[in-house]
Amino acid sequence: MFVPDLNRLHGALSRFQDVRICVIGDLMLDVFLWGRVRRISPEAPVPVVEIEGDSRVPGGSANVAHNASALGARVFIAGRVGNDPDGEELMKMLKEAGIDTAAVVVSEECPTTVKTRVIAHSQHVVRFDREVKRPLSGRELKHILSFLGDLKSFDAIVVSDYAKGVVIPELMKEIKQRATLSEVPIIVDPKVLNAPLFEGVTVITPNFAEALLMAGNHSEEDVISVGKELLRRYRCQYVLITRGSEGMSLFSEDGQILYLPAVARKVYDVTGAGDTVVATLAVGMCAGLSMAEAAYIANVAAGYVVGEPGTAVISLETLRSVLSGGRIT
């Protein structure tokens, strides 16, 4: 089992504020309706949820950026919102979190993607989405690429793909070419639909279900076999497979395999846990940690957020406390 040097981890935390991350992907607004159920509807065999409150937070790639910013990094975000009140609200949230939104384009054709979850007694009752999946237009692509420049202003690029239309072949081709020239790592939280676009990036972070599909016609469901196939197929330096209650498995191109057991004592809500993983991993890498060390703190961070309700983030202070032996609920 991997046992990190805690002094090295804490030393890296002090450097998080010097990290500059650019998050690219599908911005969303996450809405939670909180309530309780006392009866079944007389109109249909469904529960009647009495709403007692609501909350609205950044979701999708916006949650990745929010996580990285909460850890102290300087964060820039590129993507798309609709020309609507939800988009305005999301942009305000990001700016209040200290995130640079200059590369976010406002679309007249696509509304802001909104995921609304109804929660009763800590249980998800239903989720409904409002979205229009449309590839970036030429104007939108030009705006984002113009902002990114040669990528030398960033320590890493994080691609948070939810397959809503921002991550397209033309964008990924340019990002990979510029990253190669500028020696900037690319960390990708992938969606299976766009998997071929991520060949040759630094690291991909699929969950196990996604990893199985990305491995193609793979006859085995053994995580080691799947991880090795992803390394071969996508020519990444690293593959980090998140496995829920089974923890994480990190595969390196040099053949090393690291297993990190889950650290959460209680799972309240897994919403956004993958966003926390990719954000923490990227910031840790850029702060000088090895991939194994960065994966370790990403695992710890994920263990914290799944114990919190809704789309949660972990602050630098909380991460420092947890690493020092503070309790993960």
C-alpha atoms as a PDB file:
ATOM      1  CA  MET A   1       0.000   0.000   0.000  1.00  0.00           C
ATOM      2  CA  PHE A   2       1.253   3.493  -0.872  1.00  0.00           C
ATOM      3  CA  VAL A   3       2.205   5.508   2.217  1.00  0.00           C
ATOM      4  CA  PRO A   4       3.066   9.122   1.365  1.00  0.00           C
ATOM      5  CA  ASP A   5       5.387  11.481   3.178  1.00  0.00           C
ATOM      6  CA  LEU A   6       2.902  13.786   4.927  1.00  0.00           C
ATOM      7  CA  ASN A   7       5.494  16.529   5.232  1.00  0.00           C
ATOM      8  CA  ARG A   8       5.855  16.556   1.446  1.00  0.00           C
ATOM      9  CA  LEU A   9       2.069  16.703   1.020  1.00  0.00           C
ATOM     10  CA  HIS A  10       1.720  19.613   3.421  1.00  0.00           C
ATOM     11  CA  GLY A  11       4.626  21.370   1.756  1.00  0.00           C
ATOM     12  CA  ALA A  12       2.833  21.088  -1.577  1.00  0.00           C
ATOM     13  CA  LEU A  13      -0.360  22.549  -0.099  1.00  0.00           C
ATOM     14  CA  SER A  14       1.534  25.751   0.621  1.00  0.00           C
ATOM     15  CA  ARG A  15       2.322  26.008  -3.095  1.00  0.00           C
ATOM     16  CA  PHE A  16      -1.263  25.583  -4.310  1.00  0.00           C
ATOM     17  CA  GLN A  17      -1.689  29.364  -4.441  1.00  0.00           C
ATOM     18  CA  ASP A  18       1.026  29.569  -7.110  1.00  0.00           C
ATOM     19  CA  VAL A  19      -0.707  27.131  -9.473  1.00  0.00           C
ATOM     20  CA  ARG A  20      -2.467  28.414 -12.606  1.00  0.00           C
ATOM     21  CA  ILE A  21      -5.066  26.024 -14.024  1.00  0.00           C
ATOM     22  CA  CYS A  22      -7.285  26.389 -17.089  1.00  0.00           C
ATOM     23  CA  VAL A  23     -10.471  24.303 -17.020  1.00  0.00           C
ATOM     24  CA  ILE A  24     -12.157  23.658 -20.368  1.00  0.00           C
ATOM     25  CA  GLY A  25     -15.516  21.947 -20.757  1.00  0.00           C
ATOM     26  CA  ASP A  26     -19.259  21.963 -20.289  1.00  0.00           C
ATOM     27  CA  LEU A  27     -20.461  24.501 -17.738  1.00  0.00           C
ATOM     28  CA  MET A  28     -23.644  23.699 -15.817  1.00  0.00           C
ATOM     29  CA  LEU A  29     -25.790  25.008 -13.026  1.00  0.00           C
ATOM     30  CA  ASP A  30     -26.709  22.419 -10.404  1.00  0.00           C
ATOM     31  CA  VAL A  31     -30.034  23.021  -8.652  1.00  0.00           C
ATOM     32  CA  PHE A  32     -31.096  21.060  -5.574  1.00  0.00           C
ATOM     33  CA  LEU A  33     -34.659  20.997  -4.231  1.00  0.00           C
ATOM     34  CA  TRP A  34     -34.622  19.722  -0.642  1.00  0.00           C
ATOM     35  CA  GLY A  35     -37.716  18.305   0.999  1.00  0.00           C
ATOM     36  CA  ARG A  36     -39.461  15.398   2.649  1.00  0.00           C
ATOM     37  CA  VAL A  37     -42.057  12.784   1.728  1.00  0.00           C
ATOM     38  CA  ARG A  38     -45.098  12.142   3.921  1.00  0.00           C
ATOM     39  CA  ARG A  39     -47.475  10.519   1.427  1.00  0.00           C
ATOM     40  CA  ILE A  40     -47.980   8.957  -1.990  1.00  0.00           C
ATOM     41  CA  SER A  41     -49.826  10.959  -4.620  1.00  0.00           C
ATOM     42  CA  PRO A  42     -53.482   9.937  -5.170  1.00  0.00           C
ATOM     43  CA  GLU A  43     -52.998  10.780  -8.866  1.00  0.00           C
ATOM     44  CA  ALA A  44     -50.184   8.273  -9.523  1.00  0.00           C
ATOM     45  CA  PRO A  45     -48.021   5.869  -7.484  1.00  0.00           C
ATOM     46  CA  VAL A  46     -45.299   8.468  -6.887  1.00  0.00           C
ATOM     47  CA  PRO A  47     -44.113  10.216  -3.721  1.00  0.00           C
ATOM     48  CA  VAL A  48     -45.223  13.762  -2.998  1.00  0.00           C
ATOM     49  CA  VAL A  49     -42.133  15.758  -2.065  1.00  0.00           C
ATOM     50  CA  GLU A  50     -42.805  18.775   0.122  1.00  0.00           C
ATOM     51  CA  ILE A  51     -40.050  21.217  -0.818  1.00  0.00           C
ATOM     52  CA  GLU A  52     -38.491  22.937   2.184  1.00  0.00           C
ATOM     53  CA  GLY A  53     -35.575  24.690   0.508  1.00  0.00           C
ATOM     54  CA  ASP A  54     -33.321  24.902  -2.490  1.00  0.00           C
ATOM     55  CA  SER A  55     -29.696  25.568  -3.398  1.00  0.00           C
ATOM     56  CA  ARG A  56     -27.900  26.456  -6.621  1.00  0.00           C
ATOM     57  CA  VAL A  57     -24.183  25.810  -7.220  1.00  0.00           C
ATOM     58  CA  PRO A  58     -21.730  25.519 -10.134  1.00  0.00           C
ATOM     59  CA  GLY A  59     -21.861  22.125 -11.833  1.00  0.00           C
ATOM     60  CA  GLY A  60     -20.050  20.211 -14.557  1.00  0.00           C
ATOM     61  CA  SER A  61     -16.755  21.822 -15.544  1.00  0.00           C
ATOM     62  CA  ALA A  62     -17.762  24.842 -13.451  1.00  0.00           C
ATOM     63  CA  ASN A  63     -17.597  22.563 -10.409  1.00  0.00           C
ATOM     64  CA  VAL A  64     -14.100  21.452 -11.399  1.00  0.00           C
ATOM     65  CA  ALA A  65     -13.044  25.100 -11.555  1.00  0.00           C
ATOM     66  CA  HIS A  66     -14.802  25.800  -8.244  1.00  0.00           C
ATOM     67  CA  ASN A  67     -12.916  22.932  -6.589  1.00  0.00           C
ATOM     68  CA  ALA A  68      -9.541  24.087  -7.903  1.00  0.00           C
ATOM     69  CA  SER A  69     -10.246  27.642  -6.789  1.00  0.00           C
ATOM     70  CA  ALA A  70     -11.311  26.482  -3.318  1.00  0.00           C
ATOM     71  CA  LEU A  71      -7.919  24.771  -3.047  1.00  0.00           C
ATOM     72  CA  GLY A  72      -6.237  28.130  -3.604  1.00  0.00           C
ATOM     73  CA  ALA A  73      -5.214  27.833  -7.263  1.00  0.00           C
ATOM     74  CA  ARG A  74      -5.598  30.652  -9.773  1.00  0.00           C
ATOM     75  CA  VAL A  75      -8.287  29.314 -12.115  1.00  0.00           C
ATOM     76  CA  PHE A  76      -9.390  30.253 -15.610  1.00  0.00           C
ATOM     77  CA  ILE A  77     -12.403  28.629 -17.248  1.00  0.00           C
ATOM     78  CA  ALA A  78     -13.365  28.207 -20.900  1.00  0.00           C
ATOM     79  CA  GLY A  79     -16.762  27.027 -22.074  1.00  0.00           C
ATOM     80  CA  ARG A  80     -20.257  28.187 -22.869  1.00  0.00           C
ATOM     81  CA  VAL A  81     -23.362  29.433 -21.104  1.00  0.00           C
ATOM     82  CA  GLY A  82     -26.701  30.542 -22.496  1.00  0.00           C
ATOM     83  CA  ASN A  83     -27.895  34.125 -22.741  1.00  0.00           C
ATOM     84  CA  ASP A  84     -30.369  33.576 -19.914  1.00  0.00           C
ATOM     85  CA  PRO A  85     -30.803  34.207 -16.165  1.00  0.00           C
ATOM     86  CA  ASP A  86     -29.257  30.835 -15.294  1.00  0.00           C
ATOM     87  CA  GLY A  87     -26.155  31.704 -17.281  1.00  0.00           C
ATOM     88  CA  GLU A  88     -25.926  35.096 -15.603  1.00  0.00           C
ATOM     89  CA  GLU A  89     -26.259  33.473 -12.193  1.00  0.00           C
ATOM     90  CA  LEU A  90     -23.590  30.883 -12.963  1.00  0.00           C
ATOM     91  CA  MET A  91     -21.171  33.514 -14.245  1.00  0.00           C
ATOM     92  CA  LYS A  92     -21.725  35.561 -11.092  1.00  0.00           C
ATOM     93  CA  MET A  93     -20.990  32.512  -8.919  1.00  0.00           C
ATOM     94  CA  LEU A  94     -17.748  31.822 -10.770  1.00  0.00           C
ATOM     95  CA  LYS A  95     -16.562  35.412 -10.547  1.00  0.00           C
ATOM     96  CA  GLU A  96     -17.380  35.530  -6.832  1.00  0.00           C
ATOM     97  CA  ALA A  97     -15.220  32.412  -6.426  1.00  0.00           C
ATOM     98  CA  GLY A  98     -12.328  34.303  -8.019  1.00  0.00           C
ATOM     99  CA  ILE A  99     -12.437  32.380 -11.301  1.00  0.00           C
ATOM    100  CA  ASP A 100     -11.499  34.183 -14.524  1.00  0.00           C
ATOM    101  CA  THR A 101     -14.415  33.826 -16.982  1.00  0.00           C
ATOM    102  CA  ALA A 102     -12.972  35.756 -19.932  1.00  0.00           C
ATOM    103  CA  ALA A 103     -12.974  32.605 -22.102  1.00  0.00           C
ATOM    104  CA  VAL A 104     -16.646  31.766 -21.463  1.00  0.00           C
ATOM    105  CA  VAL A 105     -18.815  32.460 -24.504  1.00  0.00           C
ATOM    106  CA  VAL A 106     -22.482  33.437 -24.233  1.00  0.00           C
ATOM    107  CA  SER A 107     -24.666  31.537 -26.693  1.00  0.00           C
ATOM    108  CA  GLU A 108     -27.919  32.700 -28.264  1.00  0.00           C
ATOM    109  CA  GLU A 109     -28.676  29.188 -29.540  1.00  0.00           C
ATOM    110  CA  CYS A 110     -28.040  27.054 -26.457  1.00  0.00           C
ATOM    111  CA  PRO A 111     -29.542  27.642 -23.023  1.00  0.00           C
ATOM    112  CA  THR A 112     -27.395  27.182 -19.953  1.00  0.00           C
ATOM    113  CA  THR A 113     -27.366  23.509 -19.014  1.00  0.00           C
ATOM    114  CA  VAL A 114     -29.249  23.060 -15.740  1.00  0.00           C
ATOM    115  CA  LYS A 115     -29.443  19.820 -13.753  1.00  0.00           C
ATOM    116  CA  THR A 116     -32.185  19.865 -11.133  1.00  0.00           C
ATOM    117  CA  ARG A 117     -32.224  17.204  -8.435  1.00  0.00           C
ATOM    118  CA  VAL A 118     -35.059  16.586  -6.006  1.00  0.00           C
ATOM    119  CA  ILE A 119     -33.754  15.273  -2.665  1.00  0.00           C
ATOM    120  CA  ALA A 120     -35.997  13.911   0.082  1.00  0.00           C
ATOM    121  CA  HIS A 121     -34.674  12.512   3.367  1.00  0.00           C
ATOM    122  CA  SER A 122     -31.135  12.507   1.918  1.00  0.00           C
ATOM    123  CA  GLN A 123     -32.261  10.369  -1.044  1.00  0.00           C
ATOM    124  CA  HIS A 124     -32.372  11.370  -4.693  1.00  0.00           C
ATOM    125  CA  VAL A 125     -35.972  11.165  -5.879  1.00  0.00           C
ATOM    126  CA  VAL A 126     -35.552  12.376  -9.459  1.00  0.00           C
ATOM    127  CA  ARG A 127     -33.264  14.475 -11.643  1.00  0.00           C
ATOM    128  CA  PHE A 128     -34.349  16.452 -14.655  1.00  0.00           C
ATOM    129  CA  ASP A 129     -32.063  18.231 -17.115  1.00  0.00           C
ATOM    130  CA  ARG A 130     -32.526  21.227 -19.357  1.00  0.00           C
ATOM    131  CA  GLU A 131     -29.962  21.261 -22.106  1.00  0.00           C
ATOM    132  CA  VAL A 132     -29.297  21.570 -25.812  1.00  0.00           C
ATOM    133  CA  LYS A 133     -26.352  19.534 -27.079  1.00  0.00           C
ATOM    134  CA  ARG A 134     -24.719  21.464 -29.894  1.00  0.00           C
ATOM    135  CA  PRO A 135     -21.057  21.612 -30.970  1.00  0.00           C
ATOM    136  CA  LEU A 136     -19.226  24.887 -30.542  1.00  0.00           C
ATOM    137  CA  SER A 137     -19.774  27.248 -33.450  1.00  0.00           C
ATOM    138  CA  GLY A 138     -16.824  28.629 -35.365  1.00  0.00           C
ATOM    139  CA  ARG A 139     -17.164  31.924 -33.492  1.00  0.00           C
ATOM    140  CA  GLU A 140     -17.249  30.215 -30.112  1.00  0.00           C
ATOM    141  CA  LEU A 141     -14.251  28.029 -30.926  1.00  0.00           C
ATOM    142  CA  LYS A 142     -12.251  31.036 -32.123  1.00  0.00           C
ATOM    143  CA  HIS A 143     -13.038  32.940 -28.913  1.00  0.00           C
ATOM    144  CA  ILE A 144     -11.826  30.102 -26.689  1.00  0.00           C
ATOM    145  CA  LEU A 145      -8.672  29.379 -28.702  1.00  0.00           C
ATOM    146  CA  SER A 146      -7.811  33.079 -28.802  1.00  0.00           C
ATOM    147  CA  PHE A 147      -7.962  33.234 -25.009  1.00  0.00           C
ATOM    148  CA  LEU A 148      -5.888  30.070 -24.553  1.00  0.00           C
ATOM    149  CA  GLY A 149      -3.048  31.322 -26.735  1.00  0.00           C
ATOM    150  CA  ASP A 150       0.037  29.116 -26.650  1.00  0.00           C
ATOM    151  CA  LEU A 151      -0.917  27.759 -23.171  1.00  0.00           C
ATOM    152  CA  LYS A 152       2.331  29.014 -21.615  1.00  0.00           C
ATOM    153  CA  SER A 153       0.302  31.073 -19.141  1.00  0.00           C
ATOM    154  CA  PHE A 154      -0.984  27.880 -17.492  1.00  0.00           C
ATOM    155  CA  ASP A 155       0.619  25.132 -15.453  1.00  0.00           C
ATOM    156  CA  ALA A 156      -1.973  22.607 -16.657  1.00  0.00           C
ATOM    157  CA  ILE A 157      -5.072  22.228 -18.791  1.00  0.00           C
ATOM    158  CA  VAL A 158      -8.001  20.317 -17.320  1.00  0.00           C
ATOM    159  CA  VAL A 159     -10.601  19.081 -19.798  1.00  0.00           C
ATOM    160  CA  SER A 160     -13.910  18.336 -18.075  1.00  0.00           C
ATOM    161  CA  ASP A 161     -16.048  16.648 -20.710  1.00  0.00           C
ATOM    162  CA  TYR A 162     -19.766  16.079 -20.209  1.00  0.00           C
ATOM    163  CA  ALA A 163     -20.451  15.597 -23.949  1.00  0.00           C
ATOM    164  CA  LYS A 164     -22.681  18.673 -24.237  1.00  0.00           C
ATOM    165  CA  GLY A 165     -20.819  20.173 -27.205  1.00  0.00           C
ATOM    166  CA  VAL A 166     -17.830  22.147 -25.928  1.00  0.00           C
ATOM    167  CA  VAL A 167     -15.221  19.389 -26.284  1.00  0.00           C
ATOM    168  CA  ILE A 168     -15.057  18.909 -30.045  1.00  0.00           C
ATOM    169  CA  PRO A 169     -12.327  17.499 -32.341  1.00  0.00           C
ATOM    170  CA  GLU A 170     -11.136  20.920 -33.538  1.00  0.00           C
ATOM    171  CA  LEU A 171     -10.710  22.153 -29.966  1.00  0.00           C
ATOM    172  CA  MET A 172      -8.869  19.063 -28.726  1.00  0.00           C
ATOM    173  CA  LYS A 173      -6.560  19.012 -31.749  1.00  0.00           C
ATOM    174  CA  GLU A 174      -5.444  22.571 -31.070  1.00  0.00           C
ATOM    175  CA  ILE A 175      -5.111  22.035 -27.333  1.00  0.00           C
ATOM    176  CA  LYS A 176      -2.937  18.953 -27.775  1.00  0.00           C
ATOM    177  CA  GLN A 177      -0.712  20.623 -30.361  1.00  0.00           C
ATOM    178  CA  ARG A 178      -0.194  23.736 -28.244  1.00  0.00           C
ATOM    179  CA  ALA A 179       0.307  21.724 -25.056  1.00  0.00           C
ATOM    180  CA  THR A 180       3.017  19.645 -26.731  1.00  0.00           C
ATOM    181  CA  LEU A 181       4.899  22.742 -27.890  1.00  0.00           C
ATOM    182  CA  SER A 182       4.588  24.439 -24.492  1.00  0.00           C
ATOM    183  CA  GLU A 183       5.115  21.259 -22.430  1.00  0.00           C
ATOM    184  CA  VAL A 184       1.877  21.772 -20.511  1.00  0.00           C
ATOM    185  CA  PRO A 185       0.159  18.644 -19.123  1.00  0.00           C
ATOM    186  CA  ILE A 186      -3.441  17.845 -20.068  1.00  0.00           C
ATOM    187  CA  ILE A 187      -5.635  16.131 -17.482  1.00  0.00           C
ATOM    188  CA  VAL A 188      -8.959  14.811 -18.805  1.00  0.00           C
ATOM    189  CA  ASP A 189     -12.130  13.668 -17.079  1.00  0.00           C
ATOM    190  CA  PRO A 190     -13.565  11.930 -20.144  1.00  0.00           C
ATOM    191  CA  LYS A 191     -16.921  10.927 -21.532  1.00  0.00           C
ATOM    192  CA  VAL A 192     -16.977   7.723 -23.542  1.00  0.00           C
ATOM    193  CA  LEU A 193     -18.577   9.421 -26.563  1.00  0.00           C
ATOM    194  CA  ASN A 194     -15.489  11.569 -27.079  1.00  0.00           C
ATOM    195  CA  ALA A 195     -12.866   9.051 -25.937  1.00  0.00           C
ATOM    196  CA  PRO A 196     -10.893   9.019 -29.243  1.00  0.00           C
ATOM    197  CA  LEU A 197     -10.225  12.752 -28.825  1.00  0.00           C
ATOM    198  CA  PHE A 198      -8.117  12.145 -25.726  1.00  0.00           C
ATOM    199  CA  GLU A 199      -5.425   9.989 -27.257  1.00  0.00           C
ATOM    200  CA  GLY A 200      -1.998  11.180 -26.161  1.00  0.00           C
ATOM    201  CA  VAL A 201      -3.031  13.391 -23.217  1.00  0.00           C
ATOM    202  CA  THR A 202      -1.133  13.223 -19.940  1.00  0.00           C
ATOM    203  CA  VAL A 203      -3.746  11.493 -17.801  1.00  0.00           C
ATOM    204  CA  ILE A 204      -7.382  10.411 -18.050  1.00  0.00           C
ATOM    205  CA  THR A 205      -9.626   9.863 -15.010  1.00  0.00           C
ATOM    206  CA  PRO A 206     -12.627   7.707 -16.003  1.00  0.00           C
ATOM    207  CA  ASN A 207     -14.799   5.880 -13.519  1.00  0.00           C
ATOM    208  CA  PHE A 208     -14.804   2.098 -13.867  1.00  0.00           C
ATOM    209  CA  ALA A 209     -18.017   1.964 -15.909  1.00  0.00           C
ATOM    210  CA  GLU A 210     -16.571   4.507 -18.351  1.00  0.00           C
ATOM    211  CA  ALA A 211     -13.235   2.684 -18.395  1.00  0.00           C
ATOM    212  CA  LEU A 212     -14.902  -0.562 -19.447  1.00  0.00           C
ATOM    213  CA  LEU A 213     -16.635   1.141 -22.355  1.00  0.00           C
ATOM    214  CA  MET A 214     -13.507   3.051 -23.371  1.00  0.00           C
ATOM    215  CA  ALA A 215     -11.565  -0.215 -23.455  1.00  0.00           C
ATOM    216  CA  GLY A 216     -13.826  -1.345 -26.307  1.00  0.00           C
ATOM    217  CA  ASN A 217     -14.462  -5.025 -26.910  1.00  0.00           C
ATOM    218  CA  HIS A 218     -12.630  -5.998 -23.781  1.00  0.00           C
ATOM    219  CA  SER A 219     -13.385  -9.482 -22.569  1.00  0.00           C
ATOM    220  CA  GLU A 220     -12.268  -8.932 -18.979  1.00  0.00           C
ATOM    221  CA  GLU A 221     -13.734  -6.701 -16.296  1.00  0.00           C
ATOM    222  CA  ASP A 222     -10.638  -6.964 -14.108  1.00  0.00           C
ATOM    223  CA  VAL A 223      -9.506  -3.413 -13.312  1.00  0.00           C
ATOM    224  CA  ILE A 224      -5.840  -4.219 -13.959  1.00  0.00           C
ATOM    225  CA  SER A 225      -6.588  -5.599 -17.398  1.00  0.00           C
ATOM    226  CA  VAL A 226      -8.808  -2.617 -18.218  1.00  0.00           C
ATOM    227  CA  GLY A 227      -6.256  -0.082 -16.988  1.00  0.00           C
ATOM    228  CA  LYS A 228      -3.479  -1.584 -19.083  1.00  0.00           C
ATOM    229  CA  GLU A 229      -5.739  -1.609 -22.144  1.00  0.00           C
ATOM    230  CA  LEU A 230      -6.539   2.102 -21.678  1.00  0.00           C
ATOM    231  CA  LEU A 231      -2.835   2.937 -21.458  1.00  0.00           C
ATOM    232  CA  ARG A 232      -2.199   1.027 -24.665  1.00  0.00           C
ATOM    233  CA  ARG A 233      -5.219   2.314 -26.540  1.00  0.00           C
ATOM    234  CA  TYR A 234      -5.006   6.013 -25.614  1.00  0.00           C
ATOM    235  CA  ARG A 235      -1.221   6.314 -25.222  1.00  0.00           C
ATOM    236  CA  CYS A 236      -1.540   8.306 -21.994  1.00  0.00           C
ATOM    237  CA  GLN A 237       1.208   8.617 -19.442  1.00  0.00           C
ATOM    238  CA  TYR A 238      -1.260   7.743 -16.693  1.00  0.00           C
ATOM    239  CA  VAL A 239      -4.748   6.342 -16.237  1.00  0.00           C
ATOM    240  CA  LEU A 240      -6.545   6.946 -12.938  1.00  0.00           C
ATOM    241  CA  ILE A 241      -9.700   4.822 -12.632  1.00  0.00           C
ATOM    242  CA  THR A 242     -12.103   5.902  -9.898  1.00  0.00           C
ATOM    243  CA  ARG A 243     -14.045   2.984  -8.438  1.00  0.00           C
ATOM    244  CA  GLY A 244     -16.422   4.392  -5.821  1.00  0.00           C
ATOM    245  CA  SER A 245     -16.361   2.279  -2.677  1.00  0.00           C
ATOM    246  CA  GLU A 246     -13.415   0.333  -4.155  1.00  0.00           C
ATOM    247  CA  GLY A 247     -11.186   3.409  -4.152  1.00  0.00           C
ATOM    248  CA  MET A 248      -8.922   4.272  -7.088  1.00  0.00           C
ATOM    249  CA  SER A 249      -6.374   2.508  -9.270  1.00  0.00           C
ATOM    250  CA  LEU A 250      -3.501   4.426 -10.873  1.00  0.00           C
ATOM    251  CA  PHE A 251      -1.709   2.980 -13.906  1.00  0.00           C
ATOM    252  CA  SER A 252       1.554   4.388 -15.261  1.00  0.00           C
ATOM    253  CA  GLU A 253       3.039   3.920 -18.712  1.00  0.00           C
ATOM    254  CA  ASP A 254       6.161   2.450 -17.082  1.00  0.00           C
ATOM    255  CA  GLY A 255       4.068  -0.469 -15.803  1.00  0.00           C
ATOM    256  CA  GLN A 256       3.555   0.626 -12.211  1.00  0.00           C
ATOM    257  CA  ILE A 257       0.116   0.085 -10.657  1.00  0.00           C
ATOM    258  CA  LEU A 258      -1.020   1.769  -7.451  1.00  0.00           C
ATOM    259  CA  TYR A 259      -4.188   0.919  -5.516  1.00  0.00           C
ATOM    260  CA  LEU A 260      -5.699   3.574  -3.249  1.00  0.00           C
ATOM    261  CA  PRO A 261      -8.502   2.328  -0.975  1.00  0.00           C
ATOM    262  CA  ALA A 262     -11.594   4.468  -0.420  1.00  0.00           C
ATOM    263  CA  VAL A 263     -11.328   6.697   2.644  1.00  0.00           C
ATOM    264  CA  ALA A 264     -14.925   7.868   3.147  1.00  0.00           C
ATOM    265  CA  ARG A 265     -16.584   6.420   6.230  1.00  0.00           C
ATOM    266  CA  LYS A 266     -20.026   7.475   5.082  1.00  0.00           C
ATOM    267  CA  VAL A 267     -21.260   8.229   1.572  1.00  0.00           C
ATOM    268  CA  TYR A 268     -23.949  10.896   1.553  1.00  0.00           C
ATOM    269  CA  ASP A 269     -23.884  12.080  -2.064  1.00  0.00           C
ATOM    270  CA  VAL A 270     -21.500  11.173  -4.912  1.00  0.00           C
ATOM    271  CA  THR A 271     -22.574  14.158  -7.041  1.00  0.00           C
ATOM    272  CA  GLY A 272     -19.474  15.927  -8.355  1.00  0.00           C
ATOM    273  CA  ALA A 273     -16.939  13.579  -6.735  1.00  0.00           C
ATOM    274  CA  GLY A 274     -15.202  13.020 -10.074  1.00  0.00           C
ATOM    275  CA  ASP A 275     -14.894  16.792 -10.480  1.00  0.00           C
ATOM    276  CA  THR A 276     -13.136  16.994  -7.120  1.00  0.00           C
ATOM    277  CA  VAL A 277     -10.768  14.201  -8.135  1.00  0.00           C
ATOM    278  CA  VAL A 278      -9.624  15.779 -11.397  1.00  0.00           C
ATOM    279  CA  ALA A 279      -9.305  19.257  -9.855  1.00  0.00           C
ATOM    280  CA  THR A 280      -7.275  18.082  -6.858  1.00  0.00           C
ATOM    281  CA  LEU A 281      -5.123  15.803  -9.000  1.00  0.00           C
ATOM    282  CA  ALA A 282      -4.255  18.657 -11.367  1.00  0.00           C
ATOM    283  CA  VAL A 283      -3.460  21.169  -8.643  1.00  0.00           C
ATOM    284  CA  GLY A 284      -1.349  18.615  -6.772  1.00  0.00           C
ATOM    285  CA  MET A 285       0.634  17.734  -9.884  1.00  0.00           C
ATOM    286  CA  CYS A 286       1.337  21.384 -10.611  1.00  0.00           C
ATOM    287  CA  ALA A 287       2.432  21.994  -7.010  1.00  0.00           C
ATOM    288  CA  GLY A 288       5.273  19.505  -7.433  1.00  0.00           C
ATOM    289  CA  LEU A 289       3.770  16.269  -6.182  1.00  0.00           C
ATOM    290  CA  SER A 290       4.388  12.970  -7.945  1.00  0.00           C
ATOM    291  CA  MET A 291       1.434  11.418  -9.716  1.00  0.00           C
ATOM    292  CA  ALA A 292       1.072   8.905  -6.868  1.00  0.00           C
ATOM    293  CA  GLU A 293       1.067  11.684  -4.265  1.00  0.00           C
ATOM    294  CA  ALA A 294      -1.391  13.802  -6.262  1.00  0.00           C
ATOM    295  CA  ALA A 295      -3.689  10.778  -6.663  1.00  0.00           C
ATOM    296  CA  TYR A 296      -3.463  10.181  -2.912  1.00  0.00           C
ATOM    297  CA  ILE A 297      -4.695  13.667  -2.011  1.00  0.00           C
ATOM    298  CA  ALA A 298      -7.349  13.478  -4.760  1.00  0.00           C
ATOM    299  CA  ASN A 299      -8.602  10.287  -3.134  1.00  0.00           C
ATOM    300  CA  VAL A 300      -8.705  11.991   0.267  1.00  0.00           C
ATOM    301  CA  ALA A 301     -10.539  15.000  -1.181  1.00  0.00           C
ATOM    302  CA  ALA A 302     -13.127  12.773  -2.873  1.00  0.00           C
ATOM    303  CA  GLY A 303     -13.632  10.911   0.386  1.00  0.00           C
ATOM    304  CA  TYR A 304     -14.554  14.191   2.019  1.00  0.00           C
ATOM    305  CA  VAL A 305     -16.979  15.535  -0.613  1.00  0.00           C
ATOM    306  CA  VAL A 306     -19.021  12.326  -0.875  1.00  0.00           C
ATOM    307  CA  GLY A 307     -19.823  12.795   2.802  1.00  0.00           C
ATOM    308  CA  GLU A 308     -21.361  16.200   2.085  1.00  0.00           C
ATOM    309  CA  PRO A 309     -24.821  16.890   0.608  1.00  0.00           C
ATOM    310  CA  GLY A 310     -25.161  18.138  -2.956  1.00  0.00           C
ATOM    311  CA  THR A 311     -22.352  19.270  -5.242  1.00  0.00           C
ATOM    312  CA  ALA A 312     -19.648  19.945  -2.661  1.00  0.00           C
ATOM    313  CA  VAL A 313     -16.105  21.313  -2.762  1.00  0.00           C
ATOM    314  CA  ILE A 314     -13.222  20.908  -0.344  1.00  0.00           C
ATOM    315  CA  SER A 315     -11.313  23.979   0.799  1.00  0.00           C
ATOM    316  CA  LEU A 316      -7.559  24.101   1.248  1.00  0.00           C
ATOM    317  CA  GLU A 317      -8.012  24.438   5.010  1.00  0.00           C
ATOM    318  CA  THR A 318     -10.255  21.369   5.157  1.00  0.00           C
ATOM    319  CA  LEU A 319      -7.878  19.319   3.019  1.00  0.00           C
ATOM    320  CA  ARG A 320      -4.991  20.303   5.276  1.00  0.00           C
ATOM    321  CA  SER A 321      -7.015  19.255   8.331  1.00  0.00           C
ATOM    322  CA  VAL A 322      -8.045  15.923   6.825  1.00  0.00           C
ATOM    323  CA  LEU A 323      -4.470  15.123   5.800  1.00  0.00           C
ATOM    324  CA  SER A 324      -3.412  15.872   9.375  1.00  0.00           C
ATOM    325  CA  GLY A 325      -5.764  13.235  10.691  1.00  0.00           C
ATOM    326  CA  GLY A 326      -9.057  15.067  10.744  1.00  0.00           C
ATOM    327  CA  ARG A 327     -12.125  12.917  10.408  1.00  0.00           C
ATOM    328  CA  ILE A 328     -13.773  12.100   7.099  1.00  0.00           C
ATOM    329  CA  THR A 329     -17.438  11.449   7.825  1.00  0.00           C
END
